[in-house]
Every structure is written in structure tokens, then in C-alpha cells.
Amino acid sequence: MRIWIASIITLTITSMLRADDWPGWMGPQRDNVWREKNIIDAFPKGGPKILWRAKVANGYSGPAVAGGLVFVTDFVPDQDVQKDNFDREKFKGKERVLCLDAKTGDVKWKHETACVYNVSYPNGPRCTPNVDGGKVYTLGAVGNLFCFDAKTGKVEWSRDFQKDYGVPAPLWGFAAHPLIDGDRLICLVGGQGSVAVAFDKNTGKEIWKNLTAGEPGYSPPMIVTAAGKRQLLVWHPESINGLNPETGKSYWSVKQETVNGTSIMAPRMLDNHIFLGAWQRKGGMFKFDAGAISVKMVWKGNRDNSIYPVNNTPFLEASHIYGVCSDGELRCVDMKSGDRVWETYAPVTGKNAGSGTAHLVKHEDRFFIAAETGDLIIAKLTPKKYEEVSRWHMLDATSKAFGREVTWSHPAFAQQCVFARNDRELICVPLAK
């Protein structure tokens, strides 16, 4: 009996102490679900205690956490780059990759690349690092792709999209978070026949390339399974495409254009339906046919329904879509009809705001919402209403956009903590009960 009780206690403690990683954008399964247990139900009065702070420079990219290390990228400019405009001015500086100790915030190693930004909103890199198999992969705003040894920072290989493929940086920089699938690192590059490119993640050698469009867009590639068939979804500003992720062969392509190349959100799939949404009321709901060899549009968005995100990807659950629309309104939309169920500005900016942004991460029966104001919110989202449970001002908003201060970086939820950054600091905050 004593042995049995001791075993139960040991298993319980082990379960409580088990810590998950957040090795890339949108988490371990690329679905914005935080699966760790024993997380607080509400923030304590005055907010949770910050475990550590580490100085960082400018950037929109989120942190990745894996193997006791935190990886983040930033840009150290030679002059002020806080520009709220659409111009392609040139700014010199250094893009950096920082590796920190997850427990202390101490810098373990860093890598610097001299580069010239000629993109709109030149505040810093956009893509979250991707950690896999002892390696970390990073993509900078002007197309510098690196593979590092995660522990030492040694460069294993690198590619330069502009040089290697003869393409310019998109207006808002290279921003489609690369995807790891087996031995492949799949990226959106651009150019003739190379909108989507799969590199060998161990060597950097090109494995396959496919698709042609005027520009690559910013939507991260995603893999889904329909009718037992794995498919790579690539949404560029002209069409949504299904490819064989191993060979790059095209399965199907359906026209879905955007304005100013703003295919940004990642395609989201639920129950054989794919949702897309973009600025200027572009997008809608698509459904796979029985053989999953093509998709057809079920409904098209219009000004009175759907969600048209700019810097965030919506969440699909129980036949409903939850996401932040172009002007900062959090909306709930019926997946079957496309009808809006409710909307509120409360969690994002409290009012109409261009390119309003908040990142929704599901945890058990509630969501952690990282708003552009720097607030972290615990809320319940149901078809009935938005119910705010708790709110804490986590970080100051430090980037300029549309005449206001914002923080647009996606936090990481790992080790029962939240890891979040602005243009000054990266913080680690324990959220365990």
C-alpha cells in the first residue's frame, strides 16, 4: 500500500511538473493551443511576478522556447526606424538572433547579420524562430534564412532569398513563418515557379519548388489532412493552393485574391472546411470535396459578416470562428452560414483602430488573448458572448502604427510561463497555480 501511494504521488508531481515547449510560431502543433496543466485561473492583484527581463531591440517576431532555451530575433538599426508609413526607405543595421537561458534570461549566444532594410514598417524581423532536432531556423525581414546549432549558435547553413532566387523583399518583408515537415523546411520565397520552396533542413539544399505569383504574400504554409491525404496549403495573393508536401506537386488551386498582397493569416481548417480572411473583406469559407482533390467556396465574406484579419490568425472551434477583424473588433462568426454572431472592441483597443491586432491562444475552456496594447487577457469565448475573466498589463506598447503605439509580437506559452517581447525587452512570467 505504501509503495502504491508513493507511486501515485510521484506520478501526480511528475505530471504537475511536466513542462511543454513552444518551439515555433503558434506552438508545438502550430494550432495556438496551450496544453500545459496547472495554469492560473486569473491574474493575482497587481499582476503575476516577472521572473526575468532581458534587453532586446526592435522586432515583430515572437520568441520560441525549447530545450531550456529561448530564441528571439531583433534588428539594431543605425538610426530610428519607428516609421508609420508605407515607404521603402533604406535603413542599415544588424539583424540578430539571440539565444537565452529560459530560467534566467542570460544570453547564451547571439548572431549578427549586417543588412539593409528597404521594407515598409522597418521595425525588425517578422518570423518566429523554429526549433527542431537540436537546430534553430530563422528567417529575417529581407530574406536571410539561417540554420544554427541550437546550443552553440554555430551556423550550419544559410540562404539569401533575394540573391538565390532573384526576388525583391515584399513590401512588408518576408513574414511567412517557415514550416518544418519531416526533413523539409518549407518557405514562401517568391518569383517564377518558386513562391513555395522546400529546403533540406539539414543541408539547406533545395528539394522542390512550385507556384508562380506576382508576389508571395505573408501567409504561413500549413499542412492539413483531408480524406486521409496530407496537403500543404499555400495561400499567396492570387489563389489558395493544395500541394503534396513531399514533392511540391500541385493537387488543386482556387482563385482567392487579396488587395495589396495581404494574404497574411494562416489558412485554418476544421471539419473539412478551410477559412481564409483578409483586409478589404476578402476571403470566405471553402470545403474539400469527397476525394479531397479540390475545394469549392461555401460562402463569401461581405462587409456585415466574417472576419478579415490583418496581423493575426483566427481560431476555429465548434462550428464557429473567433478572430480579430481589420479594425480591431473581436468577432464570432458562424462557420456554416458566415453570419456574424457578435463583436466587441473590448479586448483589443476598446475602439475602432486600423489593423487592430490580438493573438488568441486556447487553454482548456478559455483563451489567453495577447492584445496590441500589451495587455494579456484571460477570457471565455462562446457563441453567446465574450466574457472577460482577468486582465493584466504585461508589456508597454512600443511600436508605431496608424498613429498609436502597439506591440504585435506573438508570445510563447511554455514551461508554465508566458514569454513576451516588445522593442525593449523580453520577459518571462510564471503562470502556474
Protein backbone atom coordinates (compact mmCIF):
# COMPACT_ATOMS: atom_id res chain seq x y z
CA MET A 1 0.00 0.00 0.00
CA ARG A 2 2.82 2.42 0.85
CA ILE A 3 4.51 1.67 -2.49
CA TRP A 4 1.22 2.19 -4.30
CA ILE A 5 0.57 5.55 -2.58
CA ALA A 6 4.16 6.67 -3.22
CA SER A 7 3.77 5.79 -6.91
CA ILE A 8 0.55 7.81 -7.19
CA ILE A 9 2.18 10.82 -5.50
CA THR A 10 5.22 10.56 -7.77
CA LEU A 11 3.06 10.37 -10.89
CA THR A 12 0.98 13.34 -9.74
CA ILE A 13 4.03 15.50 -9.02
CA THR A 14 5.66 14.45 -12.29
CA SER A 15 2.51 15.42 -14.19
CA MET A 16 2.36 18.78 -12.44
CA LEU A 17 6.00 19.50 -13.15
CA ARG A 18 5.93 18.34 -16.78
CA ALA A 19 6.82 21.33 -18.89
CA ASP A 20 5.99 21.76 -22.55
CA ASP A 21 7.96 23.70 -25.14
CA TRP A 22 6.76 26.30 -27.64
CA PRO A 23 9.26 25.57 -30.43
CA GLY A 24 7.81 27.78 -33.13
CA TRP A 25 5.02 30.04 -34.30
CA MET A 26 1.60 29.11 -32.85
CA GLY A 27 3.10 26.41 -30.64
CA PRO A 28 4.14 22.75 -30.85
CA GLN A 29 1.28 21.71 -33.14
CA ARG A 30 1.02 25.06 -34.97
CA ASP A 31 -2.56 25.45 -33.78
CA ASN A 32 -2.40 28.10 -31.00
CA VAL A 33 -3.38 25.63 -28.28
CA TRP A 34 -1.55 25.72 -24.92
CA ARG A 35 -1.82 22.20 -23.47
CA GLU A 36 0.06 22.53 -20.17
CA LYS A 37 -1.87 21.89 -16.96
CA ASN A 38 -2.00 23.66 -13.59
CA ILE A 39 -2.23 27.19 -15.04
CA ILE A 40 -3.75 30.08 -13.08
CA ASP A 41 -7.45 30.84 -13.47
CA ALA A 42 -6.98 34.60 -13.03
CA PHE A 43 -4.13 37.06 -12.57
CA PRO A 44 -3.31 37.99 -8.97
CA LYS A 45 -3.92 41.54 -7.82
CA GLY A 46 -1.11 43.70 -9.13
CA GLY A 47 -0.25 41.07 -11.74
CA PRO A 48 1.99 38.00 -11.64
CA LYS A 49 5.64 38.26 -10.69
CA ILE A 50 8.06 38.68 -13.58
CA LEU A 51 10.79 36.05 -13.33
CA TRP A 52 13.30 37.87 -15.51
CA ARG A 53 13.74 40.64 -18.07
CA ALA A 54 16.25 40.64 -20.91
CA LYS A 55 17.12 43.58 -23.13
CA VAL A 56 16.24 43.20 -26.81
CA ALA A 57 15.99 45.57 -29.77
CA ASN A 58 13.28 46.17 -32.38
CA GLY A 59 11.19 43.38 -33.85
CA TYR A 60 7.76 41.95 -34.60
CA SER A 61 8.88 38.32 -34.29
CA GLY A 62 7.77 36.23 -31.35
CA PRO A 63 10.00 34.06 -29.15
CA ALA A 64 10.40 30.29 -29.40
CA VAL A 65 11.12 28.12 -26.34
CA ALA A 66 12.69 24.65 -26.49
CA GLY A 67 15.16 22.57 -24.53
CA GLY A 68 15.56 25.13 -21.76
CA LEU A 69 16.45 27.87 -24.24
CA VAL A 70 14.62 30.89 -25.63
CA PHE A 71 15.24 32.15 -29.16
CA VAL A 72 14.23 35.56 -30.48
CA THR A 73 15.27 37.79 -33.37
CA ASP A 74 15.57 41.57 -33.49
CA PHE A 75 17.00 44.48 -35.50
CA VAL A 76 19.54 47.01 -34.23
CA PRO A 77 19.29 49.93 -36.68
CA ASP A 78 21.84 52.65 -37.29
CA GLN A 79 19.06 55.24 -36.98
CA ASP A 80 15.46 55.50 -35.81
CA VAL A 81 13.20 53.14 -37.78
CA GLN A 82 9.93 53.80 -35.99
CA LYS A 83 8.19 54.75 -39.21
CA ASP A 84 4.39 54.67 -39.50
CA ASN A 85 4.23 54.60 -43.29
CA PHE A 86 4.23 52.51 -46.48
CA ASP A 87 7.53 53.84 -47.88
CA ARG A 88 10.54 51.73 -48.86
CA GLU A 89 13.24 53.85 -47.32
CA LYS A 90 16.61 52.21 -46.72
CA PHE A 91 17.85 51.61 -43.19
CA LYS A 92 21.14 49.98 -42.32
CA GLY A 93 21.61 47.90 -39.23
CA LYS A 94 22.13 44.41 -37.82
CA GLU A 95 19.60 41.62 -37.60
CA ARG A 96 20.32 39.47 -34.58
CA VAL A 97 19.42 36.03 -33.34
CA LEU A 98 19.55 35.80 -29.54
CA CYS A 99 19.62 32.60 -27.52
CA LEU A 100 18.80 32.97 -23.80
CA ASP A 101 18.56 30.68 -20.82
CA ALA A 102 14.86 30.01 -20.19
CA LYS A 103 15.32 30.05 -16.40
CA THR A 104 17.44 33.18 -16.03
CA GLY A 105 17.24 35.20 -19.25
CA ASP A 106 21.04 35.17 -19.55
CA VAL A 107 22.31 35.36 -23.13
CA LYS A 108 23.94 32.06 -24.16
CA TRP A 109 24.90 33.14 -27.68
CA LYS A 110 23.99 35.66 -30.38
CA HIS A 111 24.48 36.00 -34.11
CA GLU A 112 24.54 39.26 -36.08
CA THR A 113 23.99 39.89 -39.79
CA ALA A 114 24.59 43.28 -41.35
CA CYS A 115 21.72 44.11 -43.68
CA VAL A 116 19.78 46.93 -45.32
CA TYR A 117 16.04 47.14 -44.73
CA ASN A 118 14.01 48.54 -47.63
CA VAL A 119 10.57 47.46 -46.43
CA SER A 120 7.55 49.28 -45.05
CA TYR A 121 7.39 49.30 -41.26
CA PRO A 122 11.14 48.55 -41.00
CA ASN A 123 10.97 47.85 -37.28
CA GLY A 124 12.53 44.38 -37.39
CA PRO A 125 12.16 40.73 -38.34
CA ARG A 126 8.70 39.20 -38.52
CA CYS A 127 9.12 35.42 -38.29
CA THR A 128 9.28 33.42 -35.07
CA PRO A 129 12.32 31.09 -34.87
CA ASN A 130 11.65 27.39 -35.41
CA VAL A 131 13.45 24.82 -33.20
CA ASP A 132 13.74 21.19 -34.24
CA GLY A 133 16.21 18.36 -33.70
CA GLY A 134 18.83 20.45 -31.95
CA LYS A 135 18.75 23.12 -34.64
CA VAL A 136 17.09 26.53 -34.78
CA TYR A 137 15.91 28.09 -38.04
CA THR A 138 15.37 31.84 -38.50
CA LEU A 139 14.13 33.99 -41.38
CA GLY A 140 14.83 37.72 -41.44
CA ALA A 141 12.75 40.53 -42.91
CA VAL A 142 14.86 40.84 -46.07
CA GLY A 143 15.20 37.12 -46.75
CA ASN A 144 18.21 35.86 -44.78
CA LEU A 145 17.46 32.24 -43.83
CA PHE A 146 19.75 30.57 -41.26
CA CYS A 147 20.11 27.18 -39.64
CA PHE A 148 22.05 27.23 -36.32
CA ASP A 149 23.17 24.65 -33.84
CA ALA A 150 20.72 25.48 -31.05
CA LYS A 151 23.22 25.08 -28.21
CA THR A 152 26.30 26.72 -29.68
CA GLY A 153 24.98 29.16 -32.29
CA LYS A 154 27.20 27.69 -34.98
CA VAL A 155 25.84 28.41 -38.47
CA GLU A 156 25.07 25.08 -40.13
CA TRP A 157 23.90 26.62 -43.41
CA SER A 158 22.23 29.75 -44.78
CA ARG A 159 20.33 31.03 -47.81
CA ASP A 160 19.66 34.52 -49.16
CA PHE A 161 16.25 34.64 -50.86
CA GLN A 162 16.90 37.87 -52.76
CA LYS A 163 20.25 36.66 -54.09
CA ASP A 164 19.45 32.98 -54.61
CA TYR A 165 16.05 33.48 -56.27
CA GLY A 166 16.37 36.97 -57.74
CA VAL A 167 13.35 38.30 -55.88
CA PRO A 168 12.89 41.59 -54.01
CA ALA A 169 11.70 41.67 -50.43
CA PRO A 170 7.90 42.03 -50.28
CA LEU A 171 6.55 45.42 -49.24
CA TRP A 172 6.21 44.30 -45.61
CA GLY A 173 9.22 42.00 -45.66
CA PHE A 174 9.45 38.22 -45.61
CA ALA A 175 6.88 37.36 -42.95
CA ALA A 176 5.51 33.86 -43.67
CA HIS A 177 6.74 31.72 -40.78
CA PRO A 178 8.63 28.70 -42.24
CA LEU A 179 7.17 25.24 -41.66
CA ILE A 180 9.11 22.09 -40.73
CA ASP A 181 7.74 18.85 -42.18
CA GLY A 182 9.98 15.81 -41.82
CA ASP A 183 13.33 16.72 -43.33
CA ARG A 184 11.85 19.69 -45.17
CA LEU A 185 11.86 23.36 -44.22
CA ILE A 186 9.08 24.90 -46.31
CA CYS A 187 9.20 28.63 -47.01
CA LEU A 188 7.44 31.26 -49.09
CA VAL A 189 10.07 32.86 -51.31
CA GLY A 190 8.54 34.32 -54.48
CA GLY A 191 9.49 34.55 -58.14
CA GLN A 192 8.88 32.36 -61.17
CA GLY A 193 7.95 28.87 -60.03
CA SER A 194 9.29 29.45 -56.52
CA VAL A 195 6.57 31.01 -54.41
CA ALA A 196 6.81 27.88 -52.24
CA VAL A 197 10.21 26.24 -51.74
CA ALA A 198 11.17 23.22 -49.65
CA PHE A 199 14.75 23.11 -48.39
CA ASP A 200 16.52 20.16 -46.83
CA LYS A 201 16.52 21.21 -43.18
CA ASN A 202 19.91 19.53 -42.63
CA THR A 203 21.80 20.99 -45.59
CA GLY A 204 19.81 23.92 -46.98
CA LYS A 205 19.68 22.27 -50.41
CA GLU A 206 16.53 22.89 -52.42
CA ILE A 207 14.28 19.81 -52.54
CA TRP A 208 11.41 21.20 -54.60
CA LYS A 209 9.77 24.47 -55.64
CA ASN A 210 6.40 25.36 -57.12
CA LEU A 211 3.85 28.10 -57.83
CA THR A 212 4.16 31.45 -59.55
CA ALA A 213 2.54 34.71 -58.47
CA GLY A 214 3.23 38.41 -58.70
CA GLU A 215 4.27 38.36 -55.04
CA PRO A 216 4.44 35.63 -52.38
CA GLY A 217 2.28 37.23 -49.71
CA TYR A 218 2.74 36.69 -45.99
CA SER A 219 0.54 33.69 -45.13
CA PRO A 220 2.44 30.89 -43.34
CA PRO A 221 2.29 27.50 -45.09
CA MET A 222 0.18 24.93 -43.23
CA ILE A 223 -0.31 21.16 -43.51
CA VAL A 224 -3.75 19.59 -43.13
CA THR A 225 -5.18 16.12 -43.67
CA ALA A 226 -8.34 15.65 -45.73
CA ALA A 227 -9.75 12.26 -46.76
CA GLY A 228 -6.57 10.68 -45.41
CA LYS A 229 -4.37 12.82 -47.66
CA ARG A 230 -1.80 15.21 -46.24
CA GLN A 231 -1.80 18.51 -48.07
CA LEU A 232 0.31 21.63 -47.88
CA LEU A 233 -1.83 24.75 -48.02
CA VAL A 234 -0.19 27.79 -49.62
CA TRP A 235 -2.19 31.00 -49.89
CA HIS A 236 -0.50 33.66 -51.99
CA PRO A 237 -2.23 36.92 -53.05
CA GLU A 238 -3.82 35.29 -56.11
CA SER A 239 -5.02 31.83 -55.01
CA ILE A 240 -5.22 29.17 -52.32
CA ASN A 241 -3.33 26.01 -53.31
CA GLY A 242 -3.06 22.41 -52.17
CA LEU A 243 0.33 20.72 -52.72
CA ASN A 244 1.97 17.41 -51.95
CA PRO A 245 4.32 18.43 -49.10
CA GLU A 246 6.87 15.77 -50.06
CA THR A 247 7.17 16.56 -53.76
CA GLY A 248 5.62 20.00 -54.19
CA LYS A 249 3.23 18.63 -56.83
CA SER A 250 0.03 20.64 -57.19
CA TYR A 251 -3.22 18.95 -56.20
CA TRP A 252 -5.57 21.89 -56.76
CA SER A 253 -5.74 25.68 -56.96
CA VAL A 254 -8.68 28.03 -56.38
CA LYS A 255 -8.67 31.75 -57.05
CA GLN A 256 -8.73 33.88 -53.89
CA GLU A 257 -7.26 37.30 -54.50
CA THR A 258 -6.33 39.94 -51.94
CA VAL A 259 -5.70 43.70 -52.00
CA ASN A 260 -2.08 44.91 -51.81
CA GLY A 261 -0.84 41.34 -51.45
CA THR A 262 -2.38 40.98 -48.00
CA SER A 263 -2.73 37.22 -47.74
CA ILE A 264 -1.50 37.19 -44.14
CA MET A 265 -3.41 34.84 -41.82
CA ALA A 266 -2.62 31.13 -41.93
CA PRO A 267 -5.36 29.02 -43.54
CA ARG A 268 -7.39 27.37 -40.76
CA MET A 269 -9.18 24.05 -41.21
CA LEU A 270 -11.96 22.37 -39.24
CA ASP A 271 -14.27 19.54 -40.35
CA ASN A 272 -13.01 19.59 -43.94
CA HIS A 273 -13.63 23.34 -44.18
CA ILE A 274 -10.89 25.92 -44.79
CA PHE A 275 -11.31 29.54 -43.71
CA LEU A 276 -9.44 32.48 -45.24
CA GLY A 277 -9.84 36.15 -44.44
CA ALA A 278 -8.01 39.32 -45.42
CA TRP A 279 -8.19 43.11 -45.43
CA GLN A 280 -10.87 44.77 -47.59
CA ARG A 281 -13.39 41.96 -46.98
CA LYS A 282 -11.52 39.31 -48.94
CA GLY A 283 -11.90 35.61 -48.23
CA GLY A 284 -14.55 33.15 -47.21
CA MET A 285 -15.20 29.52 -46.36
CA PHE A 286 -14.09 26.63 -48.58
CA LYS A 287 -14.86 22.93 -48.37
CA PHE A 288 -12.98 19.88 -49.62
CA ASP A 289 -14.82 17.56 -51.96
CA ALA A 290 -15.21 13.89 -51.02
CA GLY A 291 -11.88 12.89 -52.54
CA ALA A 292 -10.03 15.94 -51.16
CA ILE A 293 -8.68 16.69 -54.61
CA SER A 294 -10.22 20.14 -54.81
CA VAL A 295 -12.13 22.72 -52.76
CA LYS A 296 -15.15 24.87 -53.51
CA MET A 297 -16.36 28.08 -51.89
CA VAL A 298 -19.23 27.64 -49.44
CA TRP A 299 -19.75 31.31 -48.70
CA LYS A 300 -18.01 34.58 -49.44
CA GLY A 301 -17.42 37.32 -46.92
CA ASN A 302 -19.09 40.72 -47.09
CA ARG A 303 -18.97 43.88 -45.00
CA ASP A 304 -21.58 42.67 -42.49
CA ASN A 305 -20.14 39.26 -41.67
CA SER A 306 -17.00 37.15 -41.43
CA ILE A 307 -13.59 38.13 -40.09
CA TYR A 308 -10.95 39.96 -42.10
CA PRO A 309 -7.74 39.84 -40.04
CA VAL A 310 -4.55 41.73 -40.71
CA ASN A 311 -1.85 40.60 -38.27
CA ASN A 312 -3.46 37.62 -36.57
CA THR A 313 -4.87 34.18 -37.34
CA PRO A 314 -8.42 33.31 -36.13
CA PHE A 315 -9.38 30.25 -34.10
CA LEU A 316 -11.97 27.71 -35.32
CA GLU A 317 -13.96 25.74 -32.77
CA ALA A 318 -17.38 24.02 -32.60
CA SER A 319 -18.63 25.43 -35.91
CA HIS A 320 -17.61 29.00 -35.03
CA ILE A 321 -14.75 31.33 -35.92
CA TYR A 322 -13.21 33.67 -33.35
CA GLY A 323 -10.82 36.31 -34.55
CA VAL A 324 -9.89 39.99 -34.71
CA CYS A 325 -11.13 41.88 -37.74
CA SER A 326 -9.29 44.63 -39.66
CA ASP A 327 -10.37 47.47 -37.37
CA GLY A 328 -9.72 45.71 -34.08
CA GLU A 329 -13.13 44.19 -33.40
CA LEU A 330 -13.08 40.67 -31.92
CA ARG A 331 -15.77 38.73 -33.75
CA CYS A 332 -17.61 35.44 -33.51
CA VAL A 333 -18.87 34.11 -36.85
CA ASP A 334 -20.99 31.05 -37.65
CA MET A 335 -18.88 28.74 -39.83
CA LYS A 336 -21.87 27.28 -41.67
CA SER A 337 -23.57 30.49 -42.74
CA GLY A 338 -20.84 33.12 -42.45
CA ASP A 339 -23.16 35.23 -40.31
CA ARG A 340 -21.68 37.37 -37.55
CA VAL A 341 -22.87 36.27 -34.11
CA TRP A 342 -21.32 39.04 -32.01
CA GLU A 343 -18.43 41.50 -31.93
CA THR A 344 -16.64 43.65 -29.35
CA TYR A 345 -13.72 46.07 -29.32
CA ALA A 346 -13.09 45.48 -25.61
CA PRO A 347 -10.10 43.11 -25.67
CA VAL A 348 -8.06 44.83 -28.40
CA THR A 349 -8.11 48.64 -28.31
CA GLY A 350 -11.56 49.47 -26.96
CA LYS A 351 -12.41 51.33 -30.17
CA ASN A 352 -12.11 51.21 -33.95
CA ALA A 353 -8.41 51.02 -34.85
CA GLY A 354 -6.80 50.23 -38.22
CA SER A 355 -5.05 46.85 -38.30
CA GLY A 356 -6.15 46.16 -34.73
CA THR A 357 -4.28 43.08 -33.52
CA ALA A 358 -4.61 40.45 -30.81
CA HIS A 359 -3.38 36.85 -30.69
CA LEU A 360 -5.78 34.18 -29.40
CA VAL A 361 -4.33 31.11 -27.66
CA LYS A 362 -6.71 28.41 -26.39
CA HIS A 363 -6.12 26.89 -22.95
CA GLU A 364 -8.65 24.36 -21.75
CA ASP A 365 -12.03 26.16 -21.61
CA ARG A 366 -10.70 29.70 -22.00
CA PHE A 367 -8.38 31.83 -24.11
CA PHE A 368 -5.26 33.84 -23.35
CA ILE A 369 -5.51 36.94 -25.54
CA ALA A 370 -2.36 39.00 -26.14
CA ALA A 371 -3.61 42.43 -27.18
CA GLU A 372 -1.62 45.03 -29.11
CA THR A 373 -1.86 47.33 -26.07
CA GLY A 374 0.46 44.97 -24.17
CA ASP A 375 -2.39 43.57 -22.08
CA LEU A 376 -2.73 39.84 -21.52
CA ILE A 377 -6.35 38.82 -21.05
CA ILE A 378 -7.97 35.62 -19.84
CA ALA A 379 -11.41 35.31 -21.42
CA LYS A 380 -14.08 32.81 -22.37
CA LEU A 381 -15.29 32.92 -25.96
CA THR A 382 -18.56 31.19 -26.76
CA PRO A 383 -21.27 31.66 -29.39
CA LYS A 384 -23.20 33.53 -26.70
CA LYS A 385 -20.68 36.20 -25.73
CA TYR A 386 -17.20 37.47 -24.91
CA GLU A 387 -16.64 37.05 -21.18
CA GLU A 388 -13.52 38.69 -19.75
CA VAL A 389 -12.20 36.85 -16.70
CA SER A 390 -8.98 38.69 -15.89
CA ARG A 391 -6.63 41.29 -17.41
CA TRP A 392 -3.03 42.29 -16.73
CA HIS A 393 -0.83 44.89 -18.42
CA MET A 394 2.09 42.67 -19.38
CA LEU A 395 4.22 44.97 -21.57
CA ASP A 396 4.31 48.53 -22.81
CA ALA A 397 3.42 49.03 -26.47
CA THR A 398 6.50 50.44 -28.20
CA SER A 399 5.99 50.28 -31.99
CA LYS A 400 4.26 52.94 -34.05
CA ALA A 401 1.33 52.02 -36.28
CA PHE A 402 -1.63 54.04 -37.52
CA GLY A 403 -0.89 56.85 -35.13
CA ARG A 404 -0.75 54.72 -31.98
CA GLU A 405 1.69 52.58 -30.00
CA VAL A 406 1.35 48.81 -30.48
CA THR A 407 3.03 45.52 -29.73
CA TRP A 408 2.29 42.98 -32.46
CA SER A 409 4.55 40.09 -31.42
CA HIS A 410 3.02 36.68 -30.68
CA PRO A 411 4.00 35.44 -27.18
CA ALA A 412 5.18 31.91 -26.40
CA PHE A 413 3.43 29.83 -23.73
CA ALA A 414 5.82 27.22 -22.35
CA GLN A 415 7.29 25.89 -19.11
CA GLN A 416 4.04 27.09 -17.43
CA CYS A 417 5.14 30.64 -18.29
CA VAL A 418 4.45 33.30 -20.87
CA PHE A 419 7.43 34.67 -22.80
CA ALA A 420 6.66 38.00 -24.45
CA ARG A 421 8.58 40.89 -26.02
CA ASN A 422 8.33 44.44 -27.24
CA ASP A 423 11.08 46.61 -28.77
CA ARG A 424 12.94 46.97 -25.47
CA GLU A 425 12.71 43.77 -23.50
CA LEU A 426 11.82 40.10 -23.46
CA ILE A 427 10.15 38.92 -20.27
CA CYS A 428 9.39 35.55 -18.68
CA VAL A 429 6.37 35.36 -16.37
CA PRO A 430 5.36 32.20 -14.46
CA LEU A 431 1.62 31.43 -14.77
CA ALA A 432 1.45 28.18 -12.79
CA LYS A 433 -1.06 27.90 -9.94
